[in-house]
Amino acid sequence: MYSLMMVTDFEMIHAHVLQHMKGLDTRLTYHCIEHTMDVVKHSGRIALDEGINEKETYLLSIAALYHDTGFLYTYAGHEKRSCEIFIQDTSIFNFTEGEKNIIIELIMSTKVPQLPKNLLQKIICDADLDYLGRNDFTDIAERLRKEFLCYRIVANQEDWHNLQIRFLQKHQYHTNSSRLLREAFKKLNLAGIMEQ
């Protein structure tokens, strides 16, 4: 559990980020507040499973809050814009230079294809795509399909179907805890798509 000061800081930052994210385009049916809250939740869960200390879990939670804020301004390259928003907000909230660098690196590590370099980056990457190995996969994937069609990332249902198969085949969870908890169900989700 966070120290009292970290809890207070996190609650203030959480409220601040969510207030801004109310401005997200409604066509972002996947990259929305619900997705951000899901990544915050699962970052914390995976951090606990992986034995991460309180301070690092706090920095991970902050990175999870900010990781998709760049969608307020851009789709392509949103991770870089998310880092810029975080840095702007550090004029309000207190972070050391070292903490800022860790958070920026965490945000950037979520860029697909994910190439995390350390355990904290592995955790946020796994949290970002945690749904691939869950039983709510179909509902969440449908929200992503709608978004991709709207933003012309895919042209039609066939494009989407093929993209999902390729993505799930290539994807790998990075942490031991996510592999144990999610990998088997992810394979079932892939098999379900391939049967369609």
C-alpha atoms as a PDB file:
ATOM      1  CA  MET A   1       0.000   0.000   0.000  1.00  0.00           C
ATOM      2  CA  TYR A   2       1.156   3.535  -0.724  1.00  0.00           C
ATOM      3  CA  SER A   3       2.257   5.877   2.045  1.00  0.00           C
ATOM      4  CA  LEU A   4      -0.322   8.520   3.004  1.00  0.00           C
ATOM      5  CA  MET A   5       1.548  11.185   1.003  1.00  0.00           C
ATOM      6  CA  MET A   6       1.649   8.977  -2.110  1.00  0.00           C
ATOM      7  CA  VAL A   7      -2.084   8.214  -1.763  1.00  0.00           C
ATOM      8  CA  THR A   8      -2.901  11.927  -1.521  1.00  0.00           C
ATOM      9  CA  ASP A   9      -0.650  12.777  -4.475  1.00  0.00           C
ATOM     10  CA  PHE A  10      -2.062   9.931  -6.567  1.00  0.00           C
ATOM     11  CA  GLU A  11      -5.653  10.972  -5.835  1.00  0.00           C
ATOM     12  CA  MET A  12      -4.893  14.571  -6.901  1.00  0.00           C
ATOM     13  CA  ILE A  13      -3.111  13.469 -10.096  1.00  0.00           C
ATOM     14  CA  HIS A  14      -5.825  10.901 -10.826  1.00  0.00           C
ATOM     15  CA  ALA A  15      -8.568  13.551 -10.577  1.00  0.00           C
ATOM     16  CA  HIS A  16      -6.540  15.979 -12.700  1.00  0.00           C
ATOM     17  CA  VAL A  17      -5.877  13.461 -15.502  1.00  0.00           C
ATOM     18  CA  LEU A  18      -9.459  12.156 -15.585  1.00  0.00           C
ATOM     19  CA  GLN A  19     -10.805  15.705 -15.808  1.00  0.00           C
ATOM     20  CA  HIS A  20      -8.664  16.280 -18.915  1.00  0.00           C
ATOM     21  CA  MET A  21      -9.551  12.919 -20.425  1.00  0.00           C
ATOM     22  CA  LYS A  22     -13.225  13.862 -20.454  1.00  0.00           C
ATOM     23  CA  GLY A  23     -12.185  15.806 -23.567  1.00  0.00           C
ATOM     24  CA  LEU A  24     -11.317  12.630 -25.529  1.00  0.00           C
ATOM     25  CA  ASP A  25     -13.027  12.216 -28.893  1.00  0.00           C
ATOM     26  CA  THR A  26     -16.103   9.989 -28.484  1.00  0.00           C
ATOM     27  CA  ARG A  27     -14.911   7.982 -31.502  1.00  0.00           C
ATOM     28  CA  LEU A  28     -12.168   6.618 -29.239  1.00  0.00           C
ATOM     29  CA  THR A  29     -14.258   3.657 -28.140  1.00  0.00           C
ATOM     30  CA  TYR A  30     -11.192   1.671 -26.991  1.00  0.00           C
ATOM     31  CA  HIS A  31      -8.624   4.323 -26.015  1.00  0.00           C
ATOM     32  CA  CYS A  32     -10.977   5.878 -23.481  1.00  0.00           C
ATOM     33  CA  ILE A  33     -11.096   6.529 -19.738  1.00  0.00           C
ATOM     34  CA  GLU A  34     -12.213   2.933 -19.082  1.00  0.00           C
ATOM     35  CA  HIS A  35      -9.089   1.604 -20.784  1.00  0.00           C
ATOM     36  CA  THR A  36      -6.867   3.937 -18.754  1.00  0.00           C
ATOM     37  CA  MET A  37      -8.509   2.805 -15.503  1.00  0.00           C
ATOM     38  CA  ASP A  38      -8.072  -0.829 -16.585  1.00  0.00           C
ATOM     39  CA  VAL A  39      -4.341  -0.270 -17.161  1.00  0.00           C
ATOM     40  CA  VAL A  40      -3.967   1.476 -13.777  1.00  0.00           C
ATOM     41  CA  LYS A  41      -5.762  -1.412 -12.052  1.00  0.00           C
ATOM     42  CA  HIS A  42      -3.781  -4.181 -13.735  1.00  0.00           C
ATOM     43  CA  SER A  43      -0.454  -2.342 -13.377  1.00  0.00           C
ATOM     44  CA  GLY A  44      -1.039  -2.405  -9.637  1.00  0.00           C
ATOM     45  CA  ARG A  45      -2.080  -6.054  -9.631  1.00  0.00           C
ATOM     46  CA  ILE A  46       0.898  -7.201 -11.706  1.00  0.00           C
ATOM     47  CA  ALA A  47       3.290  -5.056  -9.635  1.00  0.00           C
ATOM     48  CA  LEU A  48       2.031  -6.792  -6.491  1.00  0.00           C
ATOM     49  CA  ASP A  49       2.378 -10.224  -8.128  1.00  0.00           C
ATOM     50  CA  GLU A  50       5.921  -9.354  -9.241  1.00  0.00           C
ATOM     51  CA  GLY A  51       6.987  -8.063  -5.805  1.00  0.00           C
ATOM     52  CA  ILE A  52       7.509  -4.416  -6.826  1.00  0.00           C
ATOM     53  CA  ASN A  53       8.052  -1.931  -4.000  1.00  0.00           C
ATOM     54  CA  GLU A  54       5.650   0.843  -3.014  1.00  0.00           C
ATOM     55  CA  LYS A  55       7.560   3.715  -4.656  1.00  0.00           C
ATOM     56  CA  GLU A  56       7.988   1.954  -8.001  1.00  0.00           C
ATOM     57  CA  THR A  57       4.327   0.895  -7.963  1.00  0.00           C
ATOM     58  CA  TYR A  58       3.395   4.549  -7.449  1.00  0.00           C
ATOM     59  CA  LEU A  59       5.492   5.653 -10.462  1.00  0.00           C
ATOM     60  CA  LEU A  60       3.987   2.827 -12.497  1.00  0.00           C
ATOM     61  CA  SER A  61       0.470   3.982 -11.583  1.00  0.00           C
ATOM     62  CA  ILE A  62       1.264   7.555 -12.628  1.00  0.00           C
ATOM     63  CA  ALA A  63       2.630   6.325 -15.972  1.00  0.00           C
ATOM     64  CA  ALA A  64      -0.502   4.206 -16.472  1.00  0.00           C
ATOM     65  CA  LEU A  65      -2.690   7.272 -15.830  1.00  0.00           C
ATOM     66  CA  TYR A  66      -0.814   9.333 -18.431  1.00  0.00           C
ATOM     67  CA  HIS A  67       0.027   6.676 -21.027  1.00  0.00           C
ATOM     68  CA  ASP A  68      -2.851   7.496 -23.412  1.00  0.00           C
ATOM     69  CA  THR A  69      -3.432  11.188 -22.644  1.00  0.00           C
ATOM     70  CA  GLY A  70      -1.777  12.018 -25.976  1.00  0.00           C
ATOM     71  CA  PHE A  71      -4.968  10.817 -27.693  1.00  0.00           C
ATOM     72  CA  LEU A  72      -6.430  14.174 -26.675  1.00  0.00           C
ATOM     73  CA  TYR A  73      -4.313  15.664 -29.478  1.00  0.00           C
ATOM     74  CA  THR A  74      -3.163  12.944 -31.864  1.00  0.00           C
ATOM     75  CA  TYR A  75      -3.648   9.303 -32.780  1.00  0.00           C
ATOM     76  CA  ALA A  76      -0.328   8.437 -34.401  1.00  0.00           C
ATOM     77  CA  GLY A  77       2.553   9.036 -32.012  1.00  0.00           C
ATOM     78  CA  HIS A  78       0.266   9.598 -29.055  1.00  0.00           C
ATOM     79  CA  GLU A  79       2.873   8.171 -26.649  1.00  0.00           C
ATOM     80  CA  LYS A  80       5.260  11.061 -27.273  1.00  0.00           C
ATOM     81  CA  ARG A  81       2.430  13.552 -26.780  1.00  0.00           C
ATOM     82  CA  SER A  82       1.456  11.747 -23.554  1.00  0.00           C
ATOM     83  CA  CYS A  83       4.999  12.318 -22.266  1.00  0.00           C
ATOM     84  CA  GLU A  84       4.780  16.018 -23.146  1.00  0.00           C
ATOM     85  CA  ILE A  85       1.476  16.329 -21.247  1.00  0.00           C
ATOM     86  CA  PHE A  86       3.015  14.595 -18.236  1.00  0.00           C
ATOM     87  CA  ILE A  87       6.036  16.923 -18.293  1.00  0.00           C
ATOM     88  CA  GLN A  88       3.744  19.979 -18.515  1.00  0.00           C
ATOM     89  CA  ASP A  89       1.830  18.710 -15.485  1.00  0.00           C
ATOM     90  CA  THR A  90       4.984  18.257 -13.434  1.00  0.00           C
ATOM     91  CA  SER A  91       4.893  22.010 -12.895  1.00  0.00           C
ATOM     92  CA  ILE A  92       1.859  21.271 -10.672  1.00  0.00           C
ATOM     93  CA  PHE A  93       2.988  17.970  -9.135  1.00  0.00           C
ATOM     94  CA  ASN A  94       6.343  17.215  -7.538  1.00  0.00           C
ATOM     95  CA  PHE A  95       8.586  14.651  -9.210  1.00  0.00           C
ATOM     96  CA  THR A  96      12.362  14.417  -9.211  1.00  0.00           C
ATOM     97  CA  GLU A  97      14.193  14.370 -12.551  1.00  0.00           C
ATOM     98  CA  GLY A  98      14.868  10.674 -12.029  1.00  0.00           C
ATOM     99  CA  GLU A  99      11.176   9.947 -11.420  1.00  0.00           C
ATOM    100  CA  LYS A 100      10.188  11.956 -14.484  1.00  0.00           C
ATOM    101  CA  ASN A 101      12.591   9.926 -16.632  1.00  0.00           C
ATOM    102  CA  ILE A 102      11.246   6.626 -15.293  1.00  0.00           C
ATOM    103  CA  ILE A 103       7.645   7.676 -16.018  1.00  0.00           C
ATOM    104  CA  ILE A 104       8.512   8.896 -19.536  1.00  0.00           C
ATOM    105  CA  GLU A 105      10.284   5.623 -20.299  1.00  0.00           C
ATOM    106  CA  LEU A 106       7.297   3.679 -18.961  1.00  0.00           C
ATOM    107  CA  ILE A 107       4.869   5.607 -21.171  1.00  0.00           C
ATOM    108  CA  MET A 108       7.061   5.168 -24.243  1.00  0.00           C
ATOM    109  CA  SER A 109       7.442   1.427 -23.599  1.00  0.00           C
ATOM    110  CA  THR A 110       3.716   0.936 -24.311  1.00  0.00           C
ATOM    111  CA  LYS A 111       4.273   1.791 -27.969  1.00  0.00           C
ATOM    112  CA  VAL A 112       3.494  -1.192 -30.215  1.00  0.00           C
ATOM    113  CA  PRO A 113       5.501  -3.256 -30.916  1.00  0.00           C
ATOM    114  CA  GLN A 114       6.280  -3.310 -27.221  1.00  0.00           C
ATOM    115  CA  LEU A 115       9.975  -3.645 -26.394  1.00  0.00           C
ATOM    116  CA  PRO A 116      10.226  -3.240 -22.611  1.00  0.00           C
ATOM    117  CA  LYS A 117      13.744  -3.037 -21.183  1.00  0.00           C
ATOM    118  CA  ASN A 118      13.122  -3.633 -17.467  1.00  0.00           C
ATOM    119  CA  LEU A 119      10.561  -5.149 -15.116  1.00  0.00           C
ATOM    120  CA  LEU A 120       8.541  -1.959 -14.601  1.00  0.00           C
ATOM    121  CA  GLN A 121       8.238  -1.509 -18.371  1.00  0.00           C
ATOM    122  CA  LYS A 122       7.234  -5.171 -18.722  1.00  0.00           C
ATOM    123  CA  ILE A 123       4.498  -4.627 -16.139  1.00  0.00           C
ATOM    124  CA  ILE A 124       2.919  -1.597 -17.838  1.00  0.00           C
ATOM    125  CA  CYS A 125       3.120  -3.319 -21.223  1.00  0.00           C
ATOM    126  CA  ASP A 126       1.342  -6.383 -19.854  1.00  0.00           C
ATOM    127  CA  ALA A 127      -1.273  -4.228 -18.120  1.00  0.00           C
ATOM    128  CA  ASP A 128      -1.893  -2.297 -21.360  1.00  0.00           C
ATOM    129  CA  LEU A 129      -2.761  -5.527 -23.207  1.00  0.00           C
ATOM    130  CA  ASP A 130      -4.043  -7.527 -20.252  1.00  0.00           C
ATOM    131  CA  TYR A 131      -7.483  -7.948 -21.875  1.00  0.00           C
ATOM    132  CA  LEU A 132      -6.038 -10.230 -24.589  1.00  0.00           C
ATOM    133  CA  GLY A 133      -6.056 -13.051 -22.063  1.00  0.00           C
ATOM    134  CA  ARG A 134      -9.345 -12.337 -20.299  1.00  0.00           C
ATOM    135  CA  ASN A 135     -12.937 -13.417 -20.707  1.00  0.00           C
ATOM    136  CA  ASP A 136     -14.030  -9.847 -21.537  1.00  0.00           C
ATOM    137  CA  PHE A 137     -11.735  -9.943 -24.590  1.00  0.00           C
ATOM    138  CA  THR A 138     -14.589 -10.101 -27.136  1.00  0.00           C
ATOM    139  CA  ASP A 139     -16.344  -6.990 -25.782  1.00  0.00           C
ATOM    140  CA  ILE A 140     -13.140  -4.959 -25.558  1.00  0.00           C
ATOM    141  CA  ALA A 141     -11.951  -6.122 -28.995  1.00  0.00           C
ATOM    142  CA  GLU A 142     -15.274  -4.988 -30.440  1.00  0.00           C
ATOM    143  CA  ARG A 143     -14.660  -1.484 -29.067  1.00  0.00           C
ATOM    144  CA  LEU A 144     -11.209  -1.517 -30.690  1.00  0.00           C
ATOM    145  CA  ARG A 145     -12.704  -2.723 -33.989  1.00  0.00           C
ATOM    146  CA  LYS A 146     -15.140   0.208 -34.048  1.00  0.00           C
ATOM    147  CA  GLU A 147     -12.324   2.653 -33.293  1.00  0.00           C
ATOM    148  CA  PHE A 148     -10.030   1.197 -35.968  1.00  0.00           C
ATOM    149  CA  LEU A 149     -12.801   1.371 -38.577  1.00  0.00           C
ATOM    150  CA  CYS A 150     -13.635   4.941 -37.597  1.00  0.00           C
ATOM    151  CA  TYR A 151      -9.996   6.040 -37.818  1.00  0.00           C
ATOM    152  CA  ARG A 152      -9.440   4.004 -41.007  1.00  0.00           C
ATOM    153  CA  ILE A 153      -6.754   1.818 -39.474  1.00  0.00           C
ATOM    154  CA  VAL A 154      -8.640  -1.081 -41.010  1.00  0.00           C
ATOM    155  CA  ALA A 155     -10.850  -0.855 -44.089  1.00  0.00           C
ATOM    156  CA  ASN A 156     -13.356  -3.603 -43.343  1.00  0.00           C
ATOM    157  CA  GLN A 157     -14.219  -6.648 -41.249  1.00  0.00           C
ATOM    158  CA  GLU A 158     -11.784  -8.899 -43.135  1.00  0.00           C
ATOM    159  CA  ASP A 159      -8.887  -6.504 -42.483  1.00  0.00           C
ATOM    160  CA  TRP A 160      -9.817  -6.399 -38.809  1.00  0.00           C
ATOM    161  CA  HIS A 161     -10.102 -10.180 -38.551  1.00  0.00           C
ATOM    162  CA  ASN A 162      -6.673 -10.711 -40.126  1.00  0.00           C
ATOM    163  CA  LEU A 163      -5.084  -7.972 -38.014  1.00  0.00           C
ATOM    164  CA  GLN A 164      -6.395  -9.539 -34.804  1.00  0.00           C
ATOM    165  CA  ILE A 165      -5.081 -12.973 -35.721  1.00  0.00           C
ATOM    166  CA  ARG A 166      -1.617 -11.607 -36.583  1.00  0.00           C
ATOM    167  CA  PHE A 167      -1.499  -9.483 -33.434  1.00  0.00           C
ATOM    168  CA  LEU A 168      -2.507 -12.299 -31.081  1.00  0.00           C
ATOM    169  CA  GLN A 169      -0.095 -14.725 -32.747  1.00  0.00           C
ATOM    170  CA  LYS A 170       2.830 -12.323 -32.308  1.00  0.00           C
ATOM    171  CA  HIS A 171       1.924 -10.996 -28.868  1.00  0.00           C
ATOM    172  CA  GLN A 172       3.716 -12.260 -25.784  1.00  0.00           C
ATOM    173  CA  TYR A 173       3.272 -11.342 -22.164  1.00  0.00           C
ATOM    174  CA  HIS A 174       6.506 -10.136 -20.597  1.00  0.00           C
ATOM    175  CA  THR A 175       6.056 -10.876 -16.887  1.00  0.00           C
ATOM    176  CA  ASN A 176       5.935 -14.312 -15.311  1.00  0.00           C
ATOM    177  CA  SER A 177       2.693 -13.498 -13.499  1.00  0.00           C
ATOM    178  CA  SER A 178       0.909 -12.408 -16.701  1.00  0.00           C
ATOM    179  CA  ARG A 179       2.120 -15.455 -18.574  1.00  0.00           C
ATOM    180  CA  LEU A 180       0.779 -17.709 -15.823  1.00  0.00           C
ATOM    181  CA  LEU A 181      -2.524 -15.864 -15.477  1.00  0.00           C
ATOM    182  CA  ARG A 182      -3.348 -14.833 -19.059  1.00  0.00           C
ATOM    183  CA  GLU A 183      -1.473 -16.883 -21.661  1.00  0.00           C
ATOM    184  CA  ALA A 184      -3.768 -19.938 -21.729  1.00  0.00           C
ATOM    185  CA  PHE A 185      -6.911 -17.823 -22.055  1.00  0.00           C
ATOM    186  CA  LYS A 186      -5.264 -15.699 -24.739  1.00  0.00           C
ATOM    187  CA  LYS A 187      -4.752 -18.876 -26.780  1.00  0.00           C
ATOM    188  CA  LEU A 188      -8.438 -19.700 -26.372  1.00  0.00           C
ATOM    189  CA  ASN A 189      -9.351 -16.193 -27.542  1.00  0.00           C
ATOM    190  CA  LEU A 190      -7.125 -16.623 -30.605  1.00  0.00           C
ATOM    191  CA  ALA A 191      -8.680 -20.019 -31.372  1.00  0.00           C
ATOM    192  CA  GLY A 192     -12.144 -18.438 -31.139  1.00  0.00           C
ATOM    193  CA  ILE A 193     -11.213 -15.767 -33.679  1.00  0.00           C
ATOM    194  CA  MET A 194      -9.666 -18.278 -36.073  1.00  0.00           C
ATOM    195  CA  GLU A 195     -12.875 -20.318 -36.016  1.00  0.00           C
ATOM    196  CA  GLN A 196     -14.929 -17.339 -37.226  1.00  0.00           C
END
